[in-house]
Amino acid sequence: MGESDTRNLRNICILAHVDHGKTTLADHLIAATGGGLLHPKLAGKLRFMDYLDEEQRRAITMKSSSIALHYKHYSINLIDSPGHMDFCSEVSTAARLSDGALVLVDAVEGVHIQTHAVLRQSWIEKLTPCLVLNKIDRLICELRLSPMEAYNRLLRIVHEVNGIMSAYKSEKYLSDVDSILAGPSEKLGDENLEFIEDDEEDTFQPQKGNVAFVCALDGWGFTISEFAEFYATKLGASAAALQKAFWGPRYFNPKTKMIVGKKGIGTGSKARPMFVQFVLEPLWQVYQAALEPDGDKAVLEKVIKSFNLSILPRELQNKDPKAVLQSVMSHWLPLSDAILSMVVKCVPDPVSAQSFRISRLLPKREILDNNVDKNVLMEANLVRKSVAACDSSSEAPCVAFVSKMFAVPIKMLPQRDSNGEILDNYSEKGGNGVSDECFLAFARIFSGVLYSGQRVFVLSALYDPLKGESVQKHIQEAFYMI
């Protein structure tokens, strides 16, 4: 894989409390960018990533599963992880394989215990997180909140999640300060300031594009930037200025055509924050027009015309108002575009991510023993530098992290003939039945190249190169590559 290919790659996982909508979100992403694996009509119903019978029966994700998506000119490796605390090991391995995380929070249920756990896991693994506030429709249909009440609820959730991340940052900050203060006084120079992380701003800021508001079940979602671009020409302001103003106490003065703060609206004014006025209120109007018996259908026609939506007439004539609403919303605010554009913009590529995550992947060790073989140290430093640089050249040492092993029937593996053509996977010829299985390793390559027939060293988590133990017993051969 070349440098340009690596720059267009994103490795992400979906993390959340149980039943907050991870697998439903994954369904819609697969339906839109999975190369025809899943029909859009089945998204949210099929639970494509729950491949085990037990998962389908219990409607709960129990094992992490992955898939490759293609969005524009980007390749996105997506891992769906369990939300139940009994399967936390699956979450930790999914996080280790990823560079970024989509952290889902139910807009009605709010932050739960497992939300704290996955936020901590993303922090420990040095992932770049994006916040996805799911089930926005429940605020309208179930809780019957007004746009202003819904805004206050969303504001509170974002503030709470940022508070959790801030606590982790503060914990790290205090730990770094303690370690520096515990050392000799001469070490308190400027060179140590880089080890103390700044806590100047919140992790999740909608105005910066790393927070999405979605309804995964109906297949729609948005970030603030989409509405900012739409209103830029209408309000005579730049999209960048509107994006900053669309979250927080910012108000639009229709008389002066100016964006003002709290002091600029005057006492007793009924002005609403711009996020309420220009984002939530239009959404509420569309829902009311579609679902209420006396709803104004002209609102739907206006949305279709304003955004030039190509919706089939038979979809608009459906007798089920929920189906009509879903059709309009999914065309107006496609979920996959909102989420994947946020991923591409906010989550770093492997080259950038590994240089940041190297302290977690391969922590630096202080060598106190002067009798250590210098060649071993040089080789260990080369491995660390290659991982930090995400060196994908054939000369770089091959380093891969195996997250899990699983058995697969041999007849399910694609076989090729001498001409490279794929043979019939399900041929009954050959083999002795279901007992013919092989173990596959699910792994991420952090540096170098792994190819079929290559000899590799399989090292446990306890392996220490400085102890000089023989590694001959660890040699394996990579005989099959997918």
Protein backbone atom coordinates (compact mmCIF):
# COMPACT_ATOMS: atom_id res chain seq x y z
CA MET A 1 0.00 0.00 0.00
CA GLY A 2 1.48 3.34 -1.06
CA GLU A 3 1.64 6.58 0.93
CA SER A 4 -1.37 8.08 -0.90
CA ASP A 5 -3.43 4.94 -0.28
CA THR A 6 -2.62 5.02 3.42
CA ARG A 7 -3.62 8.68 3.65
CA ASN A 8 -7.05 7.76 2.25
CA LEU A 9 -7.62 5.04 4.83
CA ARG A 10 -9.62 5.30 8.06
CA ASN A 11 -9.88 2.66 10.80
CA ILE A 12 -12.84 3.22 13.12
CA CYS A 13 -14.97 1.35 15.64
CA ILE A 14 -18.47 1.98 16.98
CA LEU A 15 -18.67 2.15 20.77
CA ALA A 16 -21.75 2.64 22.97
CA HIS A 17 -23.91 1.38 25.79
CA VAL A 18 -26.12 -1.59 24.93
CA ASP A 19 -29.18 -0.77 22.74
CA HIS A 20 -28.01 2.71 21.83
CA GLY A 21 -28.06 1.86 18.11
CA LYS A 22 -24.59 0.72 17.05
CA THR A 23 -25.60 -2.16 14.77
CA THR A 24 -28.48 -0.17 13.25
CA LEU A 25 -26.07 2.62 12.38
CA ALA A 26 -23.66 0.10 10.87
CA ASP A 27 -26.51 -1.30 8.73
CA HIS A 28 -27.12 2.07 7.10
CA LEU A 29 -23.42 2.67 6.47
CA ILE A 30 -23.15 -0.76 4.82
CA ALA A 31 -26.30 -0.20 2.74
CA ALA A 32 -24.90 3.08 1.38
CA THR A 33 -21.21 2.23 0.89
CA GLY A 34 -20.89 -1.54 1.23
CA GLY A 35 -20.94 -2.30 -2.49
CA GLY A 36 -24.47 -3.71 -2.61
CA LEU A 37 -24.14 -6.12 0.32
CA LEU A 38 -27.28 -4.77 1.97
CA HIS A 39 -30.40 -3.25 0.42
CA PRO A 40 -31.31 0.17 1.90
CA LYS A 41 -34.84 -1.09 2.66
CA LEU A 42 -33.37 -3.74 4.99
CA ALA A 43 -31.02 -1.38 6.82
CA GLY A 44 -31.83 -1.29 10.51
CA LYS A 45 -33.88 -4.49 10.29
CA LEU A 46 -31.39 -7.12 9.14
CA ARG A 47 -28.65 -6.39 11.73
CA PHE A 48 -26.06 -7.39 9.16
CA MET A 49 -23.07 -7.27 11.51
CA ASP A 50 -24.70 -9.64 14.03
CA TYR A 51 -23.65 -12.79 12.20
CA LEU A 52 -24.18 -15.32 15.02
CA ASP A 53 -27.56 -17.06 15.42
CA GLU A 54 -27.53 -16.24 19.12
CA GLU A 55 -27.00 -12.55 18.34
CA GLN A 56 -29.96 -12.49 15.97
CA ARG A 57 -32.16 -14.39 18.42
CA ARG A 58 -31.36 -12.15 21.38
CA ALA A 59 -31.07 -8.95 19.30
CA ILE A 60 -27.80 -8.07 20.99
CA THR A 61 -24.23 -7.82 19.69
CA MET A 62 -21.94 -10.33 21.41
CA LYS A 63 -18.88 -10.42 19.14
CA SER A 64 -17.03 -7.66 17.35
CA SER A 65 -17.30 -7.83 13.57
CA SER A 66 -15.70 -5.78 10.83
CA ILE A 67 -16.33 -4.69 7.26
CA ALA A 68 -14.61 -2.54 4.62
CA LEU A 69 -16.57 0.42 3.25
CA HIS A 70 -15.80 2.71 0.30
CA TYR A 71 -16.85 6.35 0.59
CA LYS A 72 -15.85 8.65 -2.28
CA HIS A 73 -12.11 7.96 -2.68
CA TYR A 74 -11.66 6.76 0.91
CA SER A 75 -11.48 3.23 2.28
CA ILE A 76 -13.01 2.90 5.74
CA ASN A 77 -12.52 -0.18 7.93
CA LEU A 78 -15.45 -0.33 10.35
CA ILE A 79 -15.68 -2.49 13.50
CA ASP A 80 -19.00 -2.92 15.29
CA SER A 81 -18.49 -3.82 18.96
CA PRO A 82 -20.78 -5.12 21.74
CA GLY A 83 -22.33 -2.71 24.20
CA HIS A 84 -22.96 -5.10 27.08
CA MET A 85 -20.40 -5.03 29.88
CA ASP A 86 -20.03 -8.83 29.77
CA PHE A 87 -18.25 -8.49 26.42
CA CYS A 88 -15.82 -5.70 27.35
CA SER A 89 -12.84 -7.68 26.03
CA GLU A 90 -14.33 -7.42 22.54
CA VAL A 91 -14.50 -3.65 22.96
CA SER A 92 -10.85 -3.33 24.06
CA THR A 93 -9.56 -5.32 21.08
CA ALA A 94 -11.75 -3.33 18.68
CA ALA A 95 -10.31 -0.12 20.12
CA ARG A 96 -6.73 -1.38 19.77
CA LEU A 97 -7.27 -2.05 16.06
CA SER A 98 -8.79 1.39 15.39
CA ASP A 99 -7.58 4.97 15.10
CA GLY A 100 -10.93 6.61 15.79
CA ALA A 101 -14.24 5.82 17.47
CA LEU A 102 -17.88 6.71 16.90
CA VAL A 103 -19.28 7.05 20.43
CA LEU A 104 -23.07 6.69 20.32
CA VAL A 105 -25.35 8.11 23.00
CA ASP A 106 -29.12 7.69 23.06
CA ALA A 107 -30.67 11.19 23.15
CA VAL A 108 -33.44 9.93 25.44
CA GLU A 109 -31.53 7.54 27.72
CA GLY A 110 -28.47 9.77 27.94
CA VAL A 111 -25.08 8.73 29.33
CA HIS A 112 -25.02 5.25 30.92
CA ILE A 113 -22.40 3.22 32.77
CA GLN A 114 -21.04 1.59 29.62
CA THR A 115 -20.76 5.01 27.97
CA HIS A 116 -18.25 5.90 30.68
CA ALA A 117 -16.41 2.62 30.00
CA VAL A 118 -16.10 3.10 26.23
CA LEU A 119 -15.06 6.73 26.60
CA ARG A 120 -12.30 5.61 28.96
CA GLN A 121 -11.28 2.86 26.55
CA SER A 122 -11.03 5.34 23.67
CA TRP A 123 -8.96 7.64 25.90
CA ILE A 124 -6.62 4.85 27.00
CA GLU A 125 -6.07 3.67 23.42
CA LYS A 126 -5.51 7.27 22.25
CA LEU A 127 -8.34 7.13 19.73
CA THR A 128 -9.84 10.21 18.11
CA PRO A 129 -13.51 10.07 19.14
CA CYS A 130 -16.57 11.50 17.41
CA LEU A 131 -19.87 11.84 19.27
CA VAL A 132 -23.10 10.60 17.67
CA LEU A 133 -26.35 11.58 19.41
CA ASN A 134 -28.80 8.94 18.23
CA LYS A 135 -32.61 8.57 18.36
CA ILE A 136 -33.35 12.28 17.93
CA ASP A 137 -36.79 11.25 16.62
CA ARG A 138 -37.76 9.97 20.08
CA LEU A 139 -37.49 13.51 21.43
CA ILE A 140 -40.22 14.49 18.96
CA CYS A 141 -42.50 11.46 18.85
CA GLU A 142 -42.18 9.94 22.33
CA LEU A 143 -41.23 12.71 24.74
CA ARG A 144 -43.09 15.40 22.75
CA LEU A 145 -40.43 17.97 23.58
CA SER A 146 -40.42 21.41 22.03
CA PRO A 147 -37.35 22.34 19.93
CA MET A 148 -36.05 24.48 22.81
CA GLU A 149 -36.49 21.65 25.34
CA ALA A 150 -34.77 19.21 22.97
CA TYR A 151 -31.88 21.66 22.52
CA ASN A 152 -31.39 21.93 26.29
CA ARG A 153 -31.38 18.14 26.56
CA LEU A 154 -28.80 17.74 23.77
CA LEU A 155 -26.71 20.53 25.29
CA ARG A 156 -26.73 18.73 28.64
CA ILE A 157 -25.63 15.40 27.10
CA VAL A 158 -22.76 17.02 25.18
CA HIS A 159 -21.70 18.84 28.35
CA GLU A 160 -21.83 15.61 30.38
CA VAL A 161 -19.77 13.64 27.87
CA ASN A 162 -17.21 16.45 27.71
CA GLY A 163 -17.09 16.42 31.51
CA ILE A 164 -16.19 12.72 31.46
CA MET A 165 -13.40 13.28 28.91
CA SER A 166 -12.19 16.31 30.86
CA ALA A 167 -11.88 14.15 33.97
CA TYR A 168 -9.62 11.71 32.10
CA LYS A 169 -7.51 14.59 30.79
CA SER A 170 -7.22 16.06 34.29
CA GLU A 171 -6.25 12.66 35.68
CA LYS A 172 -3.47 12.39 33.08
CA TYR A 173 -2.43 16.01 33.67
CA LEU A 174 -2.11 15.53 37.44
CA SER A 175 -0.27 12.25 36.94
CA ASP A 176 2.25 13.94 34.62
CA VAL A 177 2.72 16.84 37.03
CA ASP A 178 3.27 14.45 39.95
CA SER A 179 5.85 12.44 38.03
CA ILE A 180 7.74 15.60 37.06
CA LEU A 181 7.63 17.04 40.58
CA ALA A 182 8.80 13.72 42.01
CA GLY A 183 11.96 13.87 39.91
CA PRO A 184 15.11 15.90 40.53
CA SER A 185 14.60 19.67 40.44
CA GLU A 186 16.93 20.13 37.48
CA LYS A 187 14.50 18.27 35.25
CA LEU A 188 11.84 20.98 35.54
CA GLY A 189 12.92 22.66 32.31
CA ASP A 190 11.03 23.67 29.22
CA GLU A 191 11.71 20.30 27.62
CA ASN A 192 9.27 18.64 30.04
CA LEU A 193 6.32 20.88 29.20
CA GLU A 194 5.45 18.74 26.19
CA PHE A 195 4.50 15.88 28.49
CA ILE A 196 1.74 17.93 30.14
CA GLU A 197 -1.32 17.98 27.91
CA ASP A 198 -3.30 21.18 27.63
CA ASP A 199 -6.94 21.08 28.62
CA GLU A 200 -8.00 24.28 26.91
CA GLU A 201 -11.13 23.08 25.14
CA ASP A 202 -13.82 20.43 25.14
CA THR A 203 -13.28 17.19 23.23
CA PHE A 204 -16.68 17.28 21.49
CA GLN A 205 -17.79 20.51 19.86
CA PRO A 206 -20.65 20.49 17.32
CA GLN A 207 -19.32 23.69 15.76
CA LYS A 208 -16.07 21.87 14.96
CA GLY A 209 -17.86 19.05 13.17
CA ASN A 210 -17.14 16.10 15.48
CA VAL A 211 -20.71 15.78 16.79
CA ALA A 212 -23.53 14.30 14.68
CA PHE A 213 -27.27 14.31 15.40
CA VAL A 214 -28.95 11.24 13.92
CA CYS A 215 -31.87 8.88 13.81
CA ALA A 216 -30.22 5.61 12.79
CA LEU A 217 -33.49 3.68 12.53
CA ASP A 218 -34.91 6.03 9.88
CA GLY A 219 -31.56 6.58 8.15
CA TRP A 220 -31.07 10.32 8.56
CA GLY A 221 -28.53 12.47 10.34
CA PHE A 222 -26.58 15.70 10.09
CA THR A 223 -23.72 17.75 11.43
CA ILE A 224 -23.93 21.51 11.89
CA SER A 225 -21.81 22.16 8.80
CA GLU A 226 -24.57 20.91 6.47
CA PHE A 227 -27.07 23.47 7.73
CA ALA A 228 -24.40 26.19 7.80
CA GLU A 229 -23.69 25.68 4.10
CA PHE A 230 -27.40 25.75 3.25
CA TYR A 231 -28.15 28.97 5.16
CA ALA A 232 -24.96 30.79 4.12
CA THR A 233 -26.47 32.34 0.99
CA LYS A 234 -29.89 32.90 2.58
CA LEU A 235 -28.54 34.81 5.58
CA GLY A 236 -25.70 36.51 3.72
CA ALA A 237 -23.01 35.08 5.98
CA SER A 238 -20.08 32.75 5.48
CA ALA A 239 -20.58 29.05 6.19
CA ALA A 240 -17.65 29.14 8.65
CA ALA A 241 -19.24 31.96 10.67
CA LEU A 242 -22.61 30.19 10.77
CA GLN A 243 -21.01 26.92 11.82
CA LYS A 244 -19.55 28.65 14.89
CA ALA A 245 -22.86 30.37 15.65
CA PHE A 246 -25.09 27.30 15.27
CA TRP A 247 -24.21 25.98 18.73
CA GLY A 248 -24.34 27.80 22.04
CA PRO A 249 -25.94 31.12 23.04
CA ARG A 250 -25.89 32.77 19.61
CA TYR A 251 -28.95 34.54 18.24
CA PHE A 252 -29.91 35.99 14.85
CA ASN A 253 -31.30 39.52 14.75
CA PRO A 254 -33.61 39.69 11.68
CA LYS A 255 -33.65 43.49 11.68
CA THR A 256 -29.91 44.05 11.58
CA LYS A 257 -29.07 40.68 9.96
CA MET A 258 -26.45 40.26 12.66
CA ILE A 259 -25.45 37.32 14.88
CA VAL A 260 -25.43 38.46 18.51
CA GLY A 261 -24.86 37.02 21.96
CA LYS A 262 -27.14 37.09 24.99
CA LYS A 263 -26.48 40.77 25.65
CA GLY A 264 -27.53 41.71 22.14
CA ILE A 265 -31.08 40.34 22.28
CA GLY A 266 -32.40 42.50 25.09
CA THR A 267 -34.38 41.61 28.21
CA GLY A 268 -37.67 39.77 27.69
CA SER A 269 -36.91 38.85 24.08
CA LYS A 270 -38.33 35.58 22.78
CA ALA A 271 -35.36 34.98 20.51
CA ARG A 272 -34.22 31.36 20.26
CA PRO A 273 -30.65 30.13 19.84
CA MET A 274 -29.76 29.74 16.16
CA PHE A 275 -29.51 25.95 16.49
CA VAL A 276 -33.14 25.90 17.63
CA GLN A 277 -34.38 28.43 15.07
CA PHE A 278 -32.57 27.18 11.96
CA VAL A 279 -31.99 23.48 12.66
CA LEU A 280 -34.44 21.95 15.13
CA GLU A 281 -37.58 23.90 14.25
CA PRO A 282 -37.49 22.86 10.55
CA LEU A 283 -37.04 19.22 11.66
CA TRP A 284 -40.02 19.47 14.01
CA GLN A 285 -42.12 21.02 11.23
CA VAL A 286 -41.33 18.16 8.84
CA TYR A 287 -42.22 15.54 11.49
CA GLN A 288 -45.48 17.29 12.34
CA ALA A 289 -46.41 17.68 8.66
CA ALA A 290 -45.80 14.00 7.96
CA LEU A 291 -47.14 12.30 11.09
CA GLU A 292 -50.02 14.44 12.33
CA PRO A 293 -53.43 13.96 10.62
CA ASP A 294 -53.89 17.72 10.16
CA GLY A 295 -50.23 18.30 9.26
CA ASP A 296 -49.35 20.79 6.53
CA LYS A 297 -48.23 18.65 3.59
CA ALA A 298 -46.94 21.77 1.86
CA VAL A 299 -44.00 21.70 4.26
CA LEU A 300 -42.86 18.38 2.78
CA GLU A 301 -43.23 19.72 -0.76
CA LYS A 302 -41.22 22.81 0.19
CA VAL A 303 -38.38 20.68 1.57
CA ILE A 304 -38.37 18.47 -1.53
CA LYS A 305 -38.29 21.50 -3.83
CA SER A 306 -35.76 23.53 -1.81
CA PHE A 307 -33.23 20.72 -1.69
CA ASN A 308 -34.08 19.30 -5.12
CA LEU A 309 -34.75 15.83 -3.71
CA SER A 310 -35.44 13.03 -6.17
CA ILE A 311 -38.10 10.97 -4.42
CA LEU A 312 -40.31 8.54 -6.34
CA PRO A 313 -44.00 9.57 -6.43
CA ARG A 314 -45.08 6.16 -5.12
CA GLU A 315 -42.99 6.72 -1.97
CA LEU A 316 -44.73 10.02 -1.30
CA GLN A 317 -48.14 8.45 -1.92
CA ASN A 318 -47.57 5.66 0.60
CA LYS A 319 -50.47 5.36 3.04
CA ASP A 320 -48.07 4.85 5.94
CA PRO A 321 -47.05 8.36 7.10
CA LYS A 322 -43.97 6.92 8.81
CA ALA A 323 -42.74 5.53 5.47
CA VAL A 324 -43.27 8.92 3.79
CA LEU A 325 -41.36 10.67 6.57
CA GLN A 326 -38.51 8.18 6.38
CA SER A 327 -38.26 8.63 2.62
CA VAL A 328 -38.12 12.44 2.83
CA MET A 329 -35.67 12.55 5.75
CA SER A 330 -33.28 9.93 4.37
CA HIS A 331 -33.09 11.81 1.05
CA TRP A 332 -32.80 15.22 2.68
CA LEU A 333 -30.22 14.31 5.36
CA PRO A 334 -28.57 10.98 4.37
CA LEU A 335 -27.15 9.28 7.44
CA SER A 336 -24.13 7.75 5.70
CA ASP A 337 -23.00 11.09 4.25
CA ALA A 338 -23.20 12.82 7.64
CA ILE A 339 -21.31 10.10 9.52
CA LEU A 340 -18.66 9.20 6.94
CA SER A 341 -17.89 12.81 6.02
CA MET A 342 -17.34 13.44 9.74
CA VAL A 343 -15.08 10.37 9.95
CA VAL A 344 -13.01 11.48 6.96
CA LYS A 345 -12.66 15.01 8.35
CA CYS A 346 -12.06 14.29 12.05
CA VAL A 347 -10.43 10.85 12.30
CA PRO A 348 -6.72 10.76 11.35
CA ASP A 349 -5.27 8.42 8.74
CA PRO A 350 -3.00 5.57 9.99
CA VAL A 351 0.20 7.54 9.35
CA SER A 352 -0.90 10.45 11.53
CA ALA A 353 -2.63 8.24 14.10
CA GLN A 354 0.23 5.83 14.75
CA SER A 355 2.72 8.62 15.40
CA PHE A 356 0.30 9.87 18.09
CA ARG A 357 -0.59 6.41 19.45
CA ILE A 358 2.95 5.00 19.54
CA SER A 359 3.32 5.68 23.28
CA ARG A 360 0.37 3.33 23.83
CA LEU A 361 1.22 0.75 21.16
CA LEU A 362 4.92 0.43 22.02
CA PRO A 363 5.75 2.38 25.20
CA LYS A 364 9.33 3.56 25.57
CA ARG A 365 11.39 1.71 28.16
CA GLU A 366 14.16 3.06 30.30
CA ILE A 367 17.13 0.67 30.08
CA LEU A 368 19.06 0.51 33.36
CA ASP A 369 21.17 -2.55 32.59
CA ASN A 370 24.34 -1.64 30.67
CA ASN A 371 24.93 -5.28 29.70
CA VAL A 372 22.04 -5.38 27.26
CA ASP A 373 22.96 -6.40 23.74
CA LYS A 374 23.22 -3.22 21.63
CA ASN A 375 21.97 -5.05 18.54
CA VAL A 376 18.75 -5.95 20.33
CA LEU A 377 18.24 -2.31 21.32
CA MET A 378 18.86 -1.12 17.77
CA GLU A 379 16.41 -3.65 16.39
CA ALA A 380 13.78 -2.71 18.99
CA ASN A 381 14.19 1.00 18.15
CA LEU A 382 13.85 0.22 14.44
CA VAL A 383 10.58 -1.60 15.10
CA ARG A 384 9.26 1.29 17.17
CA LYS A 385 10.22 3.88 14.55
CA SER A 386 8.63 1.80 11.78
CA VAL A 387 5.35 1.51 13.70
CA ALA A 388 5.37 5.22 14.55
CA ALA A 389 5.90 6.10 10.88
CA CYS A 390 3.41 3.46 9.65
CA ASP A 391 6.15 2.31 7.27
CA SER A 392 4.49 0.08 4.68
CA SER A 393 7.62 -0.63 2.64
CA SER A 394 8.73 -4.21 2.15
CA GLU A 395 12.05 -3.43 3.90
CA ALA A 396 10.35 -2.39 7.15
CA PRO A 397 9.91 -4.96 9.93
CA CYS A 398 6.49 -6.60 9.75
CA VAL A 399 4.50 -5.87 12.93
CA ALA A 400 0.89 -7.04 13.24
CA PHE A 401 -1.47 -7.13 16.21
CA VAL A 402 -3.74 -10.19 16.32
CA SER A 403 -6.98 -9.36 18.11
CA LYS A 404 -8.70 -12.74 17.89
CA MET A 405 -8.56 -16.22 16.38
CA PHE A 406 -11.61 -17.97 15.04
CA ALA A 407 -12.33 -21.29 13.34
CA VAL A 408 -13.70 -21.32 9.80
CA PRO A 409 -14.68 -24.33 7.64
CA ILE A 410 -12.08 -24.71 4.93
CA LYS A 411 -14.76 -24.99 2.25
CA MET A 412 -15.91 -21.45 3.15
CA LEU A 413 -12.53 -19.96 2.20
CA PRO A 414 -12.13 -18.69 -1.36
CA GLN A 415 -9.78 -20.95 -3.28
CA ARG A 416 -7.97 -20.02 -6.51
CA ASP A 417 -6.75 -22.17 -9.36
CA SER A 418 -3.42 -21.85 -11.16
CA ASN A 419 -4.80 -19.00 -13.28
CA GLY A 420 -5.93 -17.01 -10.26
CA GLU A 421 -9.62 -17.67 -10.82
CA ILE A 422 -11.79 -18.19 -7.72
CA LEU A 423 -13.11 -21.72 -7.47
CA ASP A 424 -16.54 -22.76 -6.21
CA ASN A 425 -16.45 -22.23 -2.43
CA TYR A 426 -19.32 -24.57 -1.73
CA SER A 427 -18.19 -27.54 -3.78
CA GLU A 428 -18.80 -30.79 -1.93
CA LYS A 429 -15.76 -32.40 -3.54
CA GLY A 430 -12.92 -33.15 -1.17
CA GLY A 431 -12.76 -32.77 2.58
CA ASN A 432 -14.08 -34.97 5.31
CA GLY A 433 -17.06 -32.85 6.34
CA VAL A 434 -17.63 -30.15 8.93
CA SER A 435 -14.54 -31.13 10.95
CA ASP A 436 -12.30 -29.68 8.20
CA GLU A 437 -11.65 -26.30 9.79
CA CYS A 438 -8.78 -23.89 10.05
CA PHE A 439 -8.05 -21.01 12.38
CA LEU A 440 -7.89 -17.51 10.97
CA ALA A 441 -6.25 -14.61 12.77
CA PHE A 442 -7.94 -11.23 12.63
CA ALA A 443 -5.18 -8.65 12.76
CA ARG A 444 -4.03 -5.15 11.91
CA ILE A 445 -0.65 -4.58 10.29
CA PHE A 446 1.12 -1.62 11.90
CA SER A 447 4.27 -1.71 9.73
CA GLY A 448 5.87 -3.72 6.94
CA VAL A 449 4.16 -6.16 4.60
CA LEU A 450 2.55 -9.51 5.43
CA TYR A 451 2.31 -11.94 2.55
CA SER A 452 1.34 -15.56 1.99
CA GLY A 453 4.08 -18.03 2.88
CA GLN A 454 5.94 -15.52 5.05
CA ARG A 455 7.64 -16.76 8.25
CA VAL A 456 6.56 -14.68 11.24
CA PHE A 457 7.26 -14.74 14.97
CA VAL A 458 4.16 -15.17 17.12
CA LEU A 459 4.89 -13.34 20.35
CA SER A 460 2.76 -13.31 23.47
CA ALA A 461 1.97 -10.19 25.47
CA LEU A 462 4.64 -11.25 28.00
CA TYR A 463 7.45 -11.51 25.46
CA ASP A 464 10.49 -9.38 26.35
CA PRO A 465 13.28 -9.06 23.74
CA LEU A 466 15.75 -7.95 26.43
CA LYS A 467 15.55 -11.29 28.25
CA GLY A 468 17.23 -13.05 25.37
CA GLU A 469 14.82 -15.98 25.28
CA SER A 470 14.77 -18.14 22.18
CA VAL A 471 11.99 -17.31 19.75
CA GLN A 472 12.42 -20.30 17.48
CA LYS A 473 9.45 -22.01 19.08
CA HIS A 474 7.26 -19.05 18.11
CA ILE A 475 7.86 -19.31 14.38
CA GLN A 476 4.75 -19.76 12.26
CA GLU A 477 4.05 -19.53 8.57
CA ALA A 478 1.44 -17.17 7.14
CA PHE A 479 -0.11 -19.60 4.69
CA TYR A 480 -3.32 -17.81 3.81
CA MET A 481 -4.15 -14.16 3.31
CA ILE A 482 -7.56 -12.50 2.83
